[in-house]
Amino acid sequence: MNGDRPSLTGDWLRDTRQALMERENAIVLGVLQQPDYPPLPECPACGIAPERIDTRQSELRFGRPDVPTFIDFGPCGHGFQISEAEILRA
């Protein structure tokens, strides 16, 4: 269930955005092909570099100003949430 997901902080999001920008720069500047891409930032729960990181926003709920964004790591399957306030803080 989505409400049972551990929460991530704005600091985590800021660091992850930076890591993703550095990864993209390495890919572009190095003219890398798919098998040579640097790993994605690791899963906060298990420390393993995932094959994918998926994000989606929670369904909107009437009267709820802070709708969380869900972050899922694959294939390990760990899922987290980050509040709108933490996203704005990052």
PDB file of N, CA and C in Angstrom:
ATOM      1  N   MET A   1       0.843  -1.184   0.000  1.00  0.00           N
ATOM      2  CA  MET A   1       0.000   0.000   0.000  1.00  0.00           C
ATOM      3  C   MET A   1       0.882   1.238   0.000  1.00  0.00           C
ATOM      4  N   ASN A   2       0.475   2.285  -0.694  1.00  0.00           N
ATOM      5  CA  ASN A   2       1.305   3.464  -0.869  1.00  0.00           C
ATOM      6  C   ASN A   2       1.582   4.204   0.420  1.00  0.00           C
ATOM      7  N   GLY A   3       0.643   4.236   1.364  1.00  0.00           N
ATOM      8  CA  GLY A   3       0.849   4.948   2.616  1.00  0.00           C
ATOM      9  C   GLY A   3       1.918   4.330   3.495  1.00  0.00           C
ATOM     10  N   ASP A   4       2.274   3.087   3.251  1.00  0.00           N
ATOM     11  CA  ASP A   4       3.273   2.394   4.053  1.00  0.00           C
ATOM     12  C   ASP A   4       4.691   2.597   3.544  1.00  0.00           C
ATOM     13  N   ARG A   5       4.864   3.384   2.509  1.00  0.00           N
ATOM     14  CA  ARG A   5       6.186   3.592   1.921  1.00  0.00           C
ATOM     15  C   ARG A   5       7.030   4.504   2.800  1.00  0.00           C
ATOM     16  N   PRO A   6       8.311   4.200   2.954  1.00  0.00           N
ATOM     17  CA  PRO A   6       9.194   5.132   3.668  1.00  0.00           C
ATOM     18  C   PRO A   6       9.302   6.445   2.893  1.00  0.00           C
ATOM     19  N   SER A   7       9.497   7.530   3.616  1.00  0.00           N
ATOM     20  CA  SER A   7       9.614   8.846   2.998  1.00  0.00           C
ATOM     21  C   SER A   7      11.069   9.201   2.737  1.00  0.00           C
ATOM     22  N   LEU A   8      11.282   9.912   1.641  1.00  0.00           N
ATOM     23  CA  LEU A   8      12.601  10.432   1.299  1.00  0.00           C
ATOM     24  C   LEU A   8      12.611  11.933   1.545  1.00  0.00           C
ATOM     25  N   THR A   9      13.800  12.499   1.679  1.00  0.00           N
ATOM     26  CA  THR A   9      13.937  13.924   1.984  1.00  0.00           C
ATOM     27  C   THR A   9      14.319  14.726   0.747  1.00  0.00           C
ATOM     28  N   GLY A  10      14.196  16.024   0.869  1.00  0.00           N
ATOM     29  CA  GLY A  10      14.637  16.921  -0.184  1.00  0.00           C
ATOM     30  C   GLY A  10      16.126  16.805  -0.430  1.00  0.00           C
ATOM     31  N   ASP A  11      16.899  16.534   0.630  1.00  0.00           N
ATOM     32  CA  ASP A  11      18.344  16.341   0.473  1.00  0.00           C
ATOM     33  C   ASP A  11      18.632  15.139  -0.427  1.00  0.00           C
ATOM     34  N   TRP A  12      17.883  14.042  -0.220  1.00  0.00           N
ATOM     35  CA  TRP A  12      18.061  12.865  -1.069  1.00  0.00           C
ATOM     36  C   TRP A  12      17.751  13.227  -2.516  1.00  0.00           C
ATOM     37  N   LEU A  13      16.647  13.954  -2.731  1.00  0.00           N
ATOM     38  CA  LEU A  13      16.251  14.322  -4.082  1.00  0.00           C
ATOM     39  C   LEU A  13      17.303  15.217  -4.739  1.00  0.00           C
ATOM     40  N   ARG A  14      17.820  16.191  -4.014  1.00  0.00           N
ATOM     41  CA  ARG A  14      18.845  17.087  -4.558  1.00  0.00           C
ATOM     42  C   ARG A  14      20.091  16.290  -4.953  1.00  0.00           C
ATOM     43  N   ASP A  15      20.542  15.398  -4.076  1.00  0.00           N
ATOM     44  CA  ASP A  15      21.723  14.583  -4.371  1.00  0.00           C
ATOM     45  C   ASP A  15      21.484  13.657  -5.556  1.00  0.00           C
ATOM     46  N   THR A  16      20.289  13.101  -5.647  1.00  0.00           N
ATOM     47  CA  THR A  16      19.964  12.195  -6.747  1.00  0.00           C
ATOM     48  C   THR A  16      19.889  12.947  -8.068  1.00  0.00           C
ATOM     49  N   ARG A  17      19.287  14.126  -8.055  1.00  0.00           N
ATOM     50  CA  ARG A  17      19.260  14.944  -9.279  1.00  0.00           C
ATOM     51  C   ARG A  17      20.674  15.247  -9.751  1.00  0.00           C
ATOM     52  N   GLN A  18      21.563  15.593  -8.821  1.00  0.00           N
ATOM     53  CA  GLN A  18      22.955  15.884  -9.170  1.00  0.00           C
ATOM     54  C   GLN A  18      23.632  14.648  -9.767  1.00  0.00           C
ATOM     55  N   ALA A  19      23.412  13.492  -9.145  1.00  0.00           N
ATOM     56  CA  ALA A  19      24.005  12.256  -9.658  1.00  0.00           C
ATOM     57  C   ALA A  19      23.481  11.926 -11.056  1.00  0.00           C
ATOM     58  N   LEU A  20      22.196  12.169 -11.291  1.00  0.00           N
ATOM     59  CA  LEU A  20      21.628  11.896 -12.609  1.00  0.00           C
ATOM     60  C   LEU A  20      22.171  12.860 -13.663  1.00  0.00           C
ATOM     61  N   MET A  21      22.394  14.119 -13.288  1.00  0.00           N
ATOM     62  CA  MET A  21      22.989  15.071 -14.235  1.00  0.00           C
ATOM     63  C   MET A  21      24.418  14.667 -14.571  1.00  0.00           C
ATOM     64  N   GLU A  22      25.187  14.247 -13.568  1.00  0.00           N
ATOM     65  CA  GLU A  22      26.560  13.796 -13.809  1.00  0.00           C
ATOM     66  C   GLU A  22      26.574  12.555 -14.687  1.00  0.00           C
ATOM     67  N   ARG A  23      25.621  11.652 -14.467  1.00  0.00           N
ATOM     68  CA  ARG A  23      25.517  10.441 -15.293  1.00  0.00           C
ATOM     69  C   ARG A  23      25.216  10.819 -16.737  1.00  0.00           C
ATOM     70  N   GLU A  24      24.261  11.730 -16.930  1.00  0.00           N
ATOM     71  CA  GLU A  24      23.907  12.149 -18.285  1.00  0.00           C
ATOM     72  C   GLU A  24      25.087  12.816 -18.976  1.00  0.00           C
ATOM     73  N   ASN A  25      25.821  13.662 -18.246  1.00  0.00           N
ATOM     74  CA  ASN A  25      27.009  14.307 -18.823  1.00  0.00           C
ATOM     75  C   ASN A  25      28.054  13.276 -19.232  1.00  0.00           C
ATOM     76  N   ALA A  26      28.267  12.255 -18.413  1.00  0.00           N
ATOM     77  CA  ALA A  26      29.232  11.211 -18.745  1.00  0.00           C
ATOM     78  C   ALA A  26      28.812  10.466 -20.009  1.00  0.00           C
ATOM     79  N   ILE A  27      27.512  10.230 -20.150  1.00  0.00           N
ATOM     80  CA  ILE A  27      26.995   9.535 -21.336  1.00  0.00           C
ATOM     81  C   ILE A  27      27.199  10.391 -22.582  1.00  0.00           C
ATOM     82  N   VAL A  28      26.825  11.672 -22.490  1.00  0.00           N
ATOM     83  CA  VAL A  28      26.905  12.567 -23.652  1.00  0.00           C
ATOM     84  C   VAL A  28      28.353  12.879 -24.006  1.00  0.00           C
ATOM     85  N   LEU A  29      29.133  13.281 -23.014  1.00  0.00           N
ATOM     86  CA  LEU A  29      30.521  13.659 -23.285  1.00  0.00           C
ATOM     87  C   LEU A  29      31.378  12.470 -23.708  1.00  0.00           C
ATOM     88  N   GLY A  30      31.060  11.301 -23.186  1.00  0.00           N
ATOM     89  CA  GLY A  30      31.812  10.103 -23.529  1.00  0.00           C
ATOM     90  C   GLY A  30      31.279   9.392 -24.755  1.00  0.00           C
ATOM     91  N   VAL A  31      30.197   9.920 -25.331  1.00  0.00           N
ATOM     92  CA  VAL A  31      29.527   9.309 -26.478  1.00  0.00           C
ATOM     93  C   VAL A  31      29.353   7.806 -26.211  1.00  0.00           C
ATOM     94  N   LEU A  32      28.769   7.515 -25.048  1.00  0.00           N
ATOM     95  CA  LEU A  32      28.622   6.129 -24.622  1.00  0.00           C
ATOM     96  C   LEU A  32      27.392   5.481 -25.242  1.00  0.00           C
ATOM     97  N   GLN A  33      27.486   4.195 -25.438  1.00  0.00           N
ATOM     98  CA  GLN A  33      26.366   3.389 -25.915  1.00  0.00           C
ATOM     99  C   GLN A  33      25.768   2.648 -24.719  1.00  0.00           C
ATOM    100  N   GLN A  34      24.552   2.175 -24.839  1.00  0.00           N
ATOM    101  CA  GLN A  34      23.782   1.577 -23.745  1.00  0.00           C
ATOM    102  C   GLN A  34      24.582   0.664 -22.802  1.00  0.00           C
ATOM    103  N   PRO A  35      25.327  -0.311 -23.252  1.00  0.00           N
ATOM    104  CA  PRO A  35      25.978  -1.196 -22.273  1.00  0.00           C
ATOM    105  C   PRO A  35      27.039  -0.490 -21.423  1.00  0.00           C
ATOM    106  N   ASP A  36      27.524   0.662 -21.888  1.00  0.00           N
ATOM    107  CA  ASP A  36      28.586   1.362 -21.179  1.00  0.00           C
ATOM    108  C   ASP A  36      28.084   2.491 -20.288  1.00  0.00           C
ATOM    109  N   TYR A  37      26.777   2.670 -20.163  1.00  0.00           N
ATOM    110  CA  TYR A  37      26.241   3.740 -19.327  1.00  0.00           C
ATOM    111  C   TYR A  37      26.672   3.554 -17.876  1.00  0.00           C
ATOM    112  N   PRO A  38      26.978   4.643 -17.172  1.00  0.00           N
ATOM    113  CA  PRO A  38      27.236   4.530 -15.729  1.00  0.00           C
ATOM    114  C   PRO A  38      25.962   4.078 -15.019  1.00  0.00           C
ATOM    115  N   PRO A  39      26.082   3.482 -13.847  1.00  0.00           N
ATOM    116  CA  PRO A  39      24.888   3.014 -13.135  1.00  0.00           C
ATOM    117  C   PRO A  39      24.022   4.170 -12.660  1.00  0.00           C
ATOM    118  N   LEU A  40      22.749   3.878 -12.475  1.00  0.00           N
ATOM    119  CA  LEU A  40      21.835   4.840 -11.866  1.00  0.00           C
ATOM    120  C   LEU A  40      22.177   4.976 -10.383  1.00  0.00           C
ATOM    121  N   PRO A  41      21.732   6.066  -9.729  1.00  0.00           N
ATOM    122  CA  PRO A  41      21.956   6.194  -8.281  1.00  0.00           C
ATOM    123  C   PRO A  41      21.351   5.000  -7.542  1.00  0.00           C
ATOM    124  N   GLU A  42      22.009   4.566  -6.492  1.00  0.00           N
ATOM    125  CA  GLU A  42      21.598   3.343  -5.804  1.00  0.00           C
ATOM    126  C   GLU A  42      20.294   3.512  -5.026  1.00  0.00           C
ATOM    127  N   CYS A  43      19.650   2.383  -4.812  1.00  0.00           N
ATOM    128  CA  CYS A  43      18.424   2.323  -4.027  1.00  0.00           C
ATOM    129  C   CYS A  43      18.768   2.664  -2.569  1.00  0.00           C
ATOM    130  N   PRO A  44      18.013   3.570  -1.924  1.00  0.00           N
ATOM    131  CA  PRO A  44      18.314   3.930  -0.541  1.00  0.00           C
ATOM    132  C   PRO A  44      18.108   2.778   0.447  1.00  0.00           C
ATOM    133  N   ALA A  45      17.323   1.784   0.089  1.00  0.00           N
ATOM    134  CA  ALA A  45      17.049   0.678   1.007  1.00  0.00           C
ATOM    135  C   ALA A  45      18.114  -0.410   0.959  1.00  0.00           C
ATOM    136  N   CYS A  46      18.545  -0.786  -0.252  1.00  0.00           N
ATOM    137  CA  CYS A  46      19.449  -1.931  -0.363  1.00  0.00           C
ATOM    138  C   CYS A  46      20.831  -1.571  -0.895  1.00  0.00           C
ATOM    139  N   GLY A  47      20.986  -0.328  -1.402  1.00  0.00           N
ATOM    140  CA  GLY A  47      22.297   0.108  -1.879  1.00  0.00           C
ATOM    141  C   GLY A  47      22.701  -0.443  -3.232  1.00  0.00           C
ATOM    142  N   ILE A  48      21.792  -1.107  -3.929  1.00  0.00           N
ATOM    143  CA  ILE A  48      22.100  -1.684  -5.230  1.00  0.00           C
ATOM    144  C   ILE A  48      21.723  -0.688  -6.325  1.00  0.00           C
ATOM    145  N   ALA A  49      22.566  -0.574  -7.342  1.00  0.00           N
ATOM    146  CA  ALA A  49      22.254   0.286  -8.486  1.00  0.00           C
ATOM    147  C   ALA A  49      21.129  -0.362  -9.275  1.00  0.00           C
ATOM    148  N   PRO A  50      19.996   0.325  -9.434  1.00  0.00           N
ATOM    149  CA  PRO A  50      18.852  -0.267 -10.121  1.00  0.00           C
ATOM    150  C   PRO A  50      19.001  -0.216 -11.630  1.00  0.00           C
ATOM    151  N   GLU A  51      18.188  -0.990 -12.300  1.00  0.00           N
ATOM    152  CA  GLU A  51      18.102  -0.934 -13.759  1.00  0.00           C
ATOM    153  C   GLU A  51      17.183   0.193 -14.192  1.00  0.00           C
ATOM    154  N   ARG A  52      16.263   0.577 -13.294  1.00  0.00           N
ATOM    155  CA  ARG A  52      15.330   1.658 -13.612  1.00  0.00           C
ATOM    156  C   ARG A  52      14.855   2.314 -12.316  1.00  0.00           C
ATOM    157  N   ILE A  53      14.452   3.573 -12.441  1.00  0.00           N
ATOM    158  CA  ILE A  53      13.806   4.313 -11.364  1.00  0.00           C
ATOM    159  C   ILE A  53      12.538   4.905 -11.965  1.00  0.00           C
ATOM    160  N   ASP A  54      11.393   4.492 -11.441  1.00  0.00           N
ATOM    161  CA  ASP A  54      10.104   4.970 -11.940  1.00  0.00           C
ATOM    162  C   ASP A  54       9.501   5.933 -10.929  1.00  0.00           C
ATOM    163  N   THR A  55       8.868   6.993 -11.423  1.00  0.00           N
ATOM    164  CA  THR A  55       8.172   7.929 -10.554  1.00  0.00           C
ATOM    165  C   THR A  55       6.750   8.102 -11.047  1.00  0.00           C
ATOM    166  N   ARG A  56       5.867   8.344 -10.105  1.00  0.00           N
ATOM    167  CA  ARG A  56       4.477   8.656 -10.451  1.00  0.00           C
ATOM    168  C   ARG A  56       3.881   9.438  -9.293  1.00  0.00           C
ATOM    169  N   GLN A  57       2.900  10.249  -9.627  1.00  0.00           N
ATOM    170  CA  GLN A  57       2.236  11.040  -8.599  1.00  0.00           C
ATOM    171  C   GLN A  57       1.014  10.296  -8.105  1.00  0.00           C
ATOM    172  N   SER A  58       0.759  10.441  -6.835  1.00  0.00           N
ATOM    173  CA  SER A  58      -0.413   9.832  -6.221  1.00  0.00           C
ATOM    174  C   SER A  58      -1.679  10.369  -6.878  1.00  0.00           C
ATOM    175  N   GLU A  59      -2.716   9.576  -6.832  1.00  0.00           N
ATOM    176  CA  GLU A  59      -4.000  10.069  -7.320  1.00  0.00           C
ATOM    177  C   GLU A  59      -4.400  11.275  -6.471  1.00  0.00           C
ATOM    178  N   LEU A  60      -4.970  12.254  -7.126  1.00  0.00           N
ATOM    179  CA  LEU A  60      -5.365  13.469  -6.411  1.00  0.00           C
ATOM    180  C   LEU A  60      -6.510  13.169  -5.460  1.00  0.00           C
ATOM    181  N   ARG A  61      -6.436  13.758  -4.300  1.00  0.00           N
ATOM    182  CA  ARG A  61      -7.493  13.572  -3.308  1.00  0.00           C
ATOM    183  C   ARG A  61      -8.039  14.936  -2.933  1.00  0.00           C
ATOM    184  N   PHE A  62      -9.348  15.043  -2.944  1.00  0.00           N
ATOM    185  CA  PHE A  62     -10.003  16.312  -2.648  1.00  0.00           C
ATOM    186  C   PHE A  62      -9.583  16.804  -1.262  1.00  0.00           C
ATOM    187  N   GLY A  63      -9.159  18.065  -1.201  1.00  0.00           N
ATOM    188  CA  GLY A  63      -8.813  18.669   0.076  1.00  0.00           C
ATOM    189  C   GLY A  63      -7.436  18.333   0.587  1.00  0.00           C
ATOM    190  N   ARG A  64      -6.636  17.641  -0.198  1.00  0.00           N
ATOM    191  CA  ARG A  64      -5.293  17.277   0.254  1.00  0.00           C
ATOM    192  C   ARG A  64      -4.265  18.088  -0.534  1.00  0.00           C
ATOM    193  N   PRO A  65      -3.633  19.073   0.113  1.00  0.00           N
ATOM    194  CA  PRO A  65      -2.715  19.947  -0.616  1.00  0.00           C
ATOM    195  C   PRO A  65      -1.363  19.313  -0.929  1.00  0.00           C
ATOM    196  N   ASP A  66      -0.932  18.359  -0.137  1.00  0.00           N
ATOM    197  CA  ASP A  66       0.401  17.790  -0.308  1.00  0.00           C
ATOM    198  C   ASP A  66       0.306  16.373  -0.866  1.00  0.00           C
ATOM    199  N   VAL A  67       0.247  16.253  -2.181  1.00  0.00           N
ATOM    200  CA  VAL A  67       0.115  14.953  -2.838  1.00  0.00           C
ATOM    201  C   VAL A  67       1.513  14.382  -3.046  1.00  0.00           C
ATOM    202  N   PRO A  68       1.824  13.203  -2.491  1.00  0.00           N
ATOM    203  CA  PRO A  68       3.175  12.666  -2.621  1.00  0.00           C
ATOM    204  C   PRO A  68       3.486  12.136  -4.020  1.00  0.00           C
ATOM    205  N   THR A  69       4.764  12.085  -4.323  1.00  0.00           N
ATOM    206  CA  THR A  69       5.259  11.431  -5.519  1.00  0.00           C
ATOM    207  C   THR A  69       5.867  10.107  -5.077  1.00  0.00           C
ATOM    208  N   PHE A  70       5.534   9.037  -5.796  1.00  0.00           N
ATOM    209  CA  PHE A  70       6.050   7.711  -5.469  1.00  0.00           C
ATOM    210  C   PHE A  70       7.257   7.407  -6.343  1.00  0.00           C
ATOM    211  N   ILE A  71       8.268   6.805  -5.751  1.00  0.00           N
ATOM    212  CA  ILE A  71       9.505   6.464  -6.446  1.00  0.00           C
ATOM    213  C   ILE A  71       9.744   4.970  -6.251  1.00  0.00           C
ATOM    214  N   ASP A  72       9.852   4.242  -7.371  1.00  0.00           N
ATOM    215  CA  ASP A  72      10.047   2.789  -7.330  1.00  0.00           C
ATOM    216  C   ASP A  72      11.359   2.424  -8.016  1.00  0.00           C
ATOM    217  N   PHE A  73      12.115   1.539  -7.373  1.00  0.00           N
ATOM    218  CA  PHE A  73      13.393   1.074  -7.898  1.00  0.00           C
ATOM    219  C   PHE A  73      13.218  -0.351  -8.402  1.00  0.00           C
ATOM    220  N   GLY A  74      13.800  -0.620  -9.556  1.00  0.00           N
ATOM    221  CA  GLY A  74      13.676  -1.965 -10.119  1.00  0.00           C
ATOM    222  C   GLY A  74      15.020  -2.480 -10.574  1.00  0.00           C
ATOM    223  N   PRO A  75      15.263  -3.740 -10.437  1.00  0.00           N
ATOM    224  CA  PRO A  75      14.309  -4.789 -10.116  1.00  0.00           C
ATOM    225  C   PRO A  75      14.182  -5.111  -8.629  1.00  0.00           C
ATOM    226  N   CYS A  76      14.864  -4.380  -7.733  1.00  0.00           N
ATOM    227  CA  CYS A  76      14.798  -4.742  -6.310  1.00  0.00           C
ATOM    228  C   CYS A  76      13.396  -4.589  -5.736  1.00  0.00           C
ATOM    229  N   GLY A  77      12.594  -3.669  -6.310  1.00  0.00           N
ATOM    230  CA  GLY A  77      11.204  -3.532  -5.895  1.00  0.00           C
ATOM    231  C   GLY A  77      10.960  -2.606  -4.721  1.00  0.00           C
ATOM    232  N   HIS A  78      11.989  -1.937  -4.214  1.00  0.00           N
ATOM    233  CA  HIS A  78      11.770  -1.020  -3.108  1.00  0.00           C
ATOM    234  C   HIS A  78      11.038   0.225  -3.593  1.00  0.00           C
ATOM    235  N   GLY A  79      10.106   0.700  -2.781  1.00  0.00           N
ATOM    236  CA  GLY A  79       9.330   1.882  -3.123  1.00  0.00           C
ATOM    237  C   GLY A  79       9.356   2.903  -2.007  1.00  0.00           C
ATOM    238  N   PHE A  80       9.336   4.159  -2.392  1.00  0.00           N
ATOM    239  CA  PHE A  80       9.403   5.266  -1.446  1.00  0.00           C
ATOM    240  C   PHE A  80       8.409   6.325  -1.867  1.00  0.00           C
ATOM    241  N   GLN A  81       8.236   7.315  -0.998  1.00  0.00           N
ATOM    242  CA  GLN A  81       7.440   8.480  -1.349  1.00  0.00           C
ATOM    243  C   GLN A  81       8.189   9.727  -0.913  1.00  0.00           C
ATOM    244  N   ILE A  82       7.907  10.823  -1.599  1.00  0.00           N
ATOM    245  CA  ILE A  82       8.475  12.100  -1.226  1.00  0.00           C
ATOM    246  C   ILE A  82       7.363  13.129  -1.319  1.00  0.00           C
ATOM    247  N   SER A  83       7.259  13.946  -0.291  1.00  0.00           N
ATOM    248  CA  SER A  83       6.177  14.921  -0.236  1.00  0.00           C
ATOM    249  C   SER A  83       6.459  16.099  -1.155  1.00  0.00           C
ATOM    250  N   GLU A  84       5.397  16.795  -1.509  1.00  0.00           N
ATOM    251  CA  GLU A  84       5.536  17.979  -2.347  1.00  0.00           C
ATOM    252  C   GLU A  84       6.406  19.017  -1.654  1.00  0.00           C
ATOM    253  N   ALA A  85       6.276  19.152  -0.355  1.00  0.00           N
ATOM    254  CA  ALA A  85       7.084  20.114   0.409  1.00  0.00           C
ATOM    255  C   ALA A  85       8.573  19.783   0.292  1.00  0.00           C
ATOM    256  N   GLU A  86       8.923  18.501   0.363  1.00  0.00           N
ATOM    257  CA  GLU A  86      10.330  18.097   0.247  1.00  0.00           C
ATOM    258  C   GLU A  86      10.838  18.323  -1.176  1.00  0.00           C
ATOM    259  N   ILE A  87       9.973  18.099  -2.168  1.00  0.00           N
ATOM    260  CA  ILE A  87      10.378  18.347  -3.565  1.00  0.00           C
ATOM    261  C   ILE A  87      10.674  19.833  -3.750  1.00  0.00           C
ATOM    262  N   LEU A  88       9.827  20.676  -3.221  1.00  0.00           N
ATOM    263  CA  LEU A  88      10.038  22.118  -3.348  1.00  0.00           C
ATOM    264  C   LEU A  88      11.282  22.567  -2.576  1.00  0.00           C
ATOM    265  N   ARG A  89      11.577  21.907  -1.478  1.00  0.00           N
ATOM    266  CA  ARG A  89      12.760  22.237  -0.669  1.00  0.00           C
ATOM    267  C   ARG A  89      14.052  21.880  -1.392  1.00  0.00           C
ATOM    268  N   ALA A  90      13.988  20.857  -2.235  1.00  0.00           N
ATOM    269  CA  ALA A  90      15.181  20.403  -2.944  1.00  0.00           C
ATOM    270  C   ALA A  90      15.551  21.403  -4.004  1.00  0.00           C
TER     271      ALA A  90
END
